[in-house]
N, C-alpha and C. Protein backbone atom coordinates (compact mmCIF):
# COMPACT_ATOMS: atom_id res chain seq x y z
N UNK A 1 21.14 34.86 75.45
CA UNK A 1 20.32 34.00 74.48
C UNK A 1 20.10 32.53 75.23
N UNK A 2 21.38 31.82 75.49
CA UNK A 2 21.40 30.82 75.92
C UNK A 2 21.53 30.72 77.44
N UNK A 3 21.58 32.05 78.04
CA UNK A 3 21.66 31.69 79.90
C UNK A 3 22.64 31.13 80.34
N UNK A 4 22.28 30.03 81.42
CA UNK A 4 23.44 29.34 81.97
C UNK A 4 24.03 28.40 81.49
N UNK A 5 23.13 27.99 80.37
CA UNK A 5 23.87 26.71 79.72
C UNK A 5 24.62 27.54 78.50
N UNK A 6 25.22 28.44 78.40
CA UNK A 6 25.81 29.08 77.05
C UNK A 6 27.55 28.51 77.54
N UNK A 7 27.83 28.15 76.34
CA UNK A 7 29.53 27.81 76.38
C UNK A 7 30.11 29.06 75.91
N UNK A 8 31.19 29.02 77.06
CA UNK A 8 31.95 30.67 76.92
C UNK A 8 33.59 30.41 76.75
N UNK A 9 33.58 31.13 75.92
CA UNK A 9 35.21 31.02 75.18
C UNK A 9 35.97 31.53 76.32
N UNK A 10 35.92 32.15 77.47
CA UNK A 10 36.65 32.09 78.79
C UNK A 10 35.91 32.12 79.93
N UNK A 11 35.93 30.69 80.09
CA UNK A 11 35.15 30.23 81.41
C UNK A 11 35.33 30.62 82.78
N UNK A 12 36.29 31.60 82.92
CA UNK A 12 36.73 32.18 84.26
C UNK A 12 35.88 33.42 84.36
N UNK A 13 35.52 33.81 83.04
CA UNK A 13 34.83 35.13 83.37
C UNK A 13 33.27 35.46 83.41
N UNK A 14 32.60 36.15 83.94
CA UNK A 14 31.54 35.65 84.73
C UNK A 14 30.53 36.13 83.30
N UNK A 15 29.44 35.59 83.18
CA UNK A 15 28.74 35.77 81.80
C UNK A 15 28.02 36.97 81.55
N UNK A 16 27.90 38.03 83.08
CA UNK A 16 27.33 38.90 82.79
C UNK A 16 29.01 40.05 82.36
N UNK A 17 29.72 39.82 82.78
CA UNK A 17 31.36 40.58 82.14
C UNK A 17 31.32 39.99 80.88
N UNK A 18 30.95 38.80 80.08
CA UNK A 18 31.19 38.51 78.80
C UNK A 18 30.15 39.42 77.95
N UNK A 19 29.26 39.35 78.47
CA UNK A 19 27.84 40.06 77.64
C UNK A 19 28.17 41.49 78.04
N UNK A 20 29.05 42.14 78.27
CA UNK A 20 29.17 43.60 78.13
C UNK A 20 29.19 44.27 79.46
N UNK A 21 28.46 43.62 80.50
CA UNK A 21 28.10 44.14 81.59
C UNK A 21 29.27 44.12 82.62
N UNK A 22 29.68 45.14 83.12
CA UNK A 22 30.92 44.65 83.93
C UNK A 22 31.09 45.13 85.49
N UNK A 23 31.59 44.85 86.27
CA UNK A 23 31.40 44.91 87.60
C UNK A 23 32.83 45.67 87.63
N UNK A 24 32.61 46.49 88.89
CA UNK A 24 34.22 47.00 88.92
C UNK A 24 34.98 46.24 89.69
N UNK A 25 34.78 45.62 90.40
CA UNK A 25 35.70 44.15 90.74
C UNK A 25 36.15 43.31 89.63
N UNK A 26 35.01 42.94 89.28
CA UNK A 26 35.30 41.81 88.02
C UNK A 26 36.37 42.55 86.88
N UNK A 27 36.21 43.78 86.51
CA UNK A 27 37.06 44.23 85.58
C UNK A 27 38.62 44.25 86.01
N UNK A 28 38.65 44.61 87.51
CA UNK A 28 40.32 44.77 88.33
C UNK A 28 40.57 43.67 88.22
N UNK A 29 39.26 42.54 88.47
CA UNK A 29 40.30 41.28 88.69
C UNK A 29 40.79 40.64 87.11
N UNK A 30 39.99 40.99 86.25
CA UNK A 30 40.48 40.33 85.02
C UNK A 30 41.95 41.35 84.56
N UNK A 31 41.94 42.43 84.80
CA UNK A 31 43.16 43.42 84.34
C UNK A 31 44.28 42.66 85.13
N UNK A 32 44.27 42.30 86.33
CA UNK A 32 45.32 42.27 87.38
C UNK A 32 45.80 40.77 86.62
N UNK A 33 44.92 39.88 86.32
CA UNK A 33 45.30 38.55 85.98
C UNK A 33 45.79 38.20 85.02
N UNK A 34 45.81 39.01 83.96
CA UNK A 34 46.23 39.04 82.70
C UNK A 34 47.77 39.76 82.51
N UNK A 35 48.62 39.25 82.31
CA UNK A 35 49.96 39.90 81.91
C UNK A 35 49.64 40.69 80.82
N UNK A 36 50.66 41.74 80.78
CA UNK A 36 50.63 42.91 79.93
C UNK A 36 51.46 42.10 78.92
N UNK A 37 50.80 42.12 77.50
CA UNK A 37 51.68 42.01 76.30
C UNK A 37 52.40 43.04 75.53
N UNK A 38 53.51 42.72 75.37
CA UNK A 38 54.09 43.89 74.53
C UNK A 38 53.61 44.21 73.35
N UNK A 39 53.78 45.82 72.99
CA UNK A 39 53.07 46.23 71.85
C UNK A 39 53.71 45.06 70.34
N UNK A 40 52.67 44.88 69.72
CA UNK A 40 53.27 43.89 68.75
C UNK A 40 52.98 44.70 67.08
N UNK A 41 52.33 45.95 67.11
CA UNK A 41 52.29 46.48 65.95
C UNK A 41 53.12 47.79 66.48
N UNK A 42 53.30 48.80 65.15
CA UNK A 42 54.17 50.01 65.24
C UNK A 42 52.71 50.73 64.38
N UNK A 43 53.23 51.83 64.92
CA UNK A 43 52.34 53.37 64.32
C UNK A 43 53.11 53.46 63.11
N UNK A 44 54.13 53.18 62.86
CA UNK A 44 54.96 53.81 61.74
C UNK A 44 54.86 52.86 60.57
N UNK A 45 55.43 53.36 59.52
CA UNK A 45 55.13 52.72 58.28
C UNK A 45 56.61 52.04 58.27
N UNK A 46 56.60 50.89 57.53
CA UNK A 46 57.72 49.97 57.69
C UNK A 46 58.39 49.39 58.89
N UNK A 47 57.78 49.75 59.92
CA UNK A 47 58.23 48.97 61.25
C UNK A 47 57.24 47.74 61.57
N UNK A 48 58.25 46.89 62.30
CA UNK A 48 57.05 45.93 63.06
C UNK A 48 57.99 45.20 63.82
N UNK A 49 57.24 44.21 64.84
CA UNK A 49 58.14 43.93 65.93
C UNK A 49 58.26 42.37 65.43
N UNK A 50 59.38 42.03 65.74
CA UNK A 50 59.94 40.38 65.33
C UNK A 50 59.83 39.83 66.49
N UNK A 51 58.75 38.58 66.31
CA UNK A 51 58.40 37.74 67.59
C UNK A 51 59.77 36.93 68.11
N UNK A 52 60.24 36.54 67.65
CA UNK A 52 61.32 35.77 68.25
C UNK A 52 62.31 36.74 69.27
N UNK A 53 62.57 37.69 68.73
CA UNK A 53 63.31 38.39 69.96
C UNK A 53 62.76 39.75 70.18
N UNK A 54 61.87 39.82 69.95
CA UNK A 54 60.88 41.23 70.40
C UNK A 54 61.51 42.76 70.09
N UNK A 55 62.32 42.67 69.04
CA UNK A 55 63.18 43.72 68.50
C UNK A 55 62.25 44.56 67.02
N UNK A 56 62.72 45.86 66.95
CA UNK A 56 61.50 46.28 65.94
C UNK A 56 62.59 46.02 64.80
N UNK A 57 61.70 45.66 63.47
CA UNK A 57 62.17 45.50 62.51
C UNK A 57 61.84 46.33 61.32
N UNK A 58 62.96 47.20 60.47
CA UNK A 58 62.45 48.45 59.31
C UNK A 58 63.01 47.35 58.31
N UNK A 59 61.58 47.46 57.15
CA UNK A 59 61.92 47.09 55.58
C UNK A 59 61.18 47.92 54.74
N UNK A 60 61.32 47.97 53.69
CA UNK A 60 61.01 48.59 52.72
C UNK A 60 60.91 47.64 51.23
N UNK A 61 59.82 47.93 50.54
CA UNK A 61 60.00 47.36 49.15
C UNK A 61 60.71 48.11 48.20
N UNK A 62 61.48 47.09 47.40
CA UNK A 62 62.46 48.06 46.21
C UNK A 62 62.53 47.01 45.25
N UNK A 63 61.96 47.41 44.19
CA UNK A 63 61.80 46.63 42.76
C UNK A 63 60.73 45.29 42.94
N UNK A 64 59.81 45.41 43.95
CA UNK A 64 59.01 44.46 44.46
C UNK A 64 59.36 43.39 45.07
N UNK A 65 60.62 43.84 45.69
CA UNK A 65 61.37 42.84 46.61
C UNK A 65 61.59 43.45 47.95
N UNK A 66 61.07 42.55 49.23
CA UNK A 66 61.11 43.10 50.59
C UNK A 66 62.68 42.89 51.18
N UNK A 67 63.29 44.31 51.40
CA UNK A 67 64.42 44.69 51.74
C UNK A 67 64.54 45.10 53.06
N UNK A 68 64.90 44.09 54.39
CA UNK A 68 64.91 44.36 55.45
C UNK A 68 65.98 45.38 55.77
N UNK A 69 65.77 46.57 56.44
CA UNK A 69 66.91 47.46 56.51
C UNK A 69 67.93 47.06 57.96
N UNK A 70 67.07 46.76 58.86
CA UNK A 70 67.86 46.28 59.95
C UNK A 70 66.79 45.98 61.27
N UNK A 71 67.46 45.78 62.40
CA UNK A 71 66.71 45.22 63.74
C UNK A 71 67.14 46.39 64.42
N UNK A 72 66.24 46.74 65.36
CA UNK A 72 66.45 47.93 66.21
C UNK A 72 65.94 47.61 67.70
N UNK A 73 66.40 48.36 68.73
CA UNK A 73 65.95 47.93 69.95
C UNK A 73 64.95 48.93 70.22
N UNK A 74 64.64 50.14 69.47
CA UNK A 74 63.61 51.10 69.84
C UNK A 74 63.03 51.14 68.42
N UNK A 75 61.46 51.69 68.60
CA UNK A 75 60.69 51.36 67.74
C UNK A 75 60.75 52.80 66.58
N UNK A 76 60.91 54.00 67.31
CA UNK A 76 61.52 55.08 66.55
C UNK A 76 62.51 55.13 65.77
N UNK A 77 63.56 54.71 66.26
CA UNK A 77 64.95 54.38 65.61
C UNK A 77 64.58 53.57 64.45
N UNK A 78 64.02 52.64 64.24
CA UNK A 78 63.59 51.71 62.98
C UNK A 78 63.08 52.46 62.33
N UNK A 79 61.86 53.59 62.57
CA UNK A 79 60.95 54.16 61.76
C UNK A 79 62.02 55.35 61.43
N UNK A 80 63.06 55.92 61.83
CA UNK A 80 64.13 56.79 61.54
C UNK A 80 65.10 55.95 60.29
N UNK A 81 65.43 55.06 60.64
CA UNK A 81 66.08 54.12 59.60
C UNK A 81 65.12 53.84 58.03
N UNK A 82 64.01 53.55 58.41
CA UNK A 82 63.24 53.09 57.25
C UNK A 82 63.19 54.71 56.51
N UNK A 83 62.89 55.86 57.20
CA UNK A 83 62.83 57.02 56.35
C UNK A 83 64.06 57.37 55.60
N UNK A 84 65.43 57.37 56.10
CA UNK A 84 66.44 57.41 55.31
C UNK A 84 66.59 56.48 54.00
N UNK A 85 66.52 55.02 54.26
CA UNK A 85 66.42 54.57 52.83
C UNK A 85 65.17 54.46 52.00
N UNK A 86 63.97 55.25 52.46
CA UNK A 86 63.03 55.62 51.80
C UNK A 86 63.43 56.71 50.83
N UNK A 87 63.94 57.69 51.69
CA UNK A 87 64.68 58.74 50.77
C UNK A 87 65.79 58.44 49.81
N UNK A 88 66.45 57.48 49.93
CA UNK A 88 67.52 57.23 49.03
C UNK A 88 66.80 56.50 47.73
N UNK A 89 65.48 55.55 48.05
CA UNK A 89 64.84 54.72 46.69
C UNK A 89 64.22 55.92 46.36
N UNK A 90 63.25 56.62 47.17
CA UNK A 90 62.36 57.57 46.52
C UNK A 90 62.88 58.86 46.18
N UNK A 91 63.72 59.69 46.84
CA UNK A 91 64.12 60.79 46.60
C UNK A 91 62.61 61.97 47.39
N UNK A 92 62.43 62.59 46.49
CA UNK A 92 61.80 63.78 47.27
C UNK A 92 60.20 62.96 47.16
N UNK A 93 59.74 62.08 46.57
CA UNK A 93 58.38 61.29 46.37
C UNK A 93 58.29 60.34 47.36
N UNK A 94 59.23 60.29 48.60
CA UNK A 94 58.91 59.20 49.65
C UNK A 94 58.13 59.59 50.57
N UNK A 95 57.41 58.79 50.83
CA UNK A 95 56.47 58.81 52.05
C UNK A 95 56.89 58.58 53.26
N UNK A 96 56.97 59.73 54.32
CA UNK A 96 57.89 59.55 55.36
C UNK A 96 57.61 59.19 56.69
N UNK A 97 57.73 58.52 57.64
CA UNK A 97 57.06 58.64 59.14
C UNK A 97 57.53 60.13 59.83
N UNK A 98 58.51 60.91 59.42
CA UNK A 98 58.70 62.33 59.95
C UNK A 98 59.52 63.38 59.11
N UNK A 99 58.19 63.56 58.07
CA UNK A 99 58.28 64.73 57.17
C UNK A 99 58.98 65.76 57.12
N UNK A 100 59.10 66.36 58.50
CA UNK A 100 59.63 67.42 58.83
C UNK A 100 61.01 67.79 59.09
N UNK A 101 61.48 66.38 59.64
CA UNK A 101 63.00 66.25 59.93
C UNK A 101 63.96 65.95 58.55
N UNK A 102 65.15 66.29 58.96
CA UNK A 102 65.85 66.61 57.70
C UNK A 102 66.83 65.05 57.88
């Protein structure tokens, strides 16, 4: 629409790449230049990543209050801690990350 006069959010990226057309070389350069970011979200219920230390936090709501279960080095470990607390609070009605494990 704006041609060569377009103001880009990422000036180092060619206009054709920003518009969706990508060349093999341009895509590889962009991927190599950008450092890999750590995973910020979790696939598990009640688990999130702490920004300060990068550890995984497990938490659950109990009586409308957010209760932090703990910090964990492993995402799955945090999810299993969430499941244990959910079973304590909700019993058989708990929605779990690993419903088939005991």
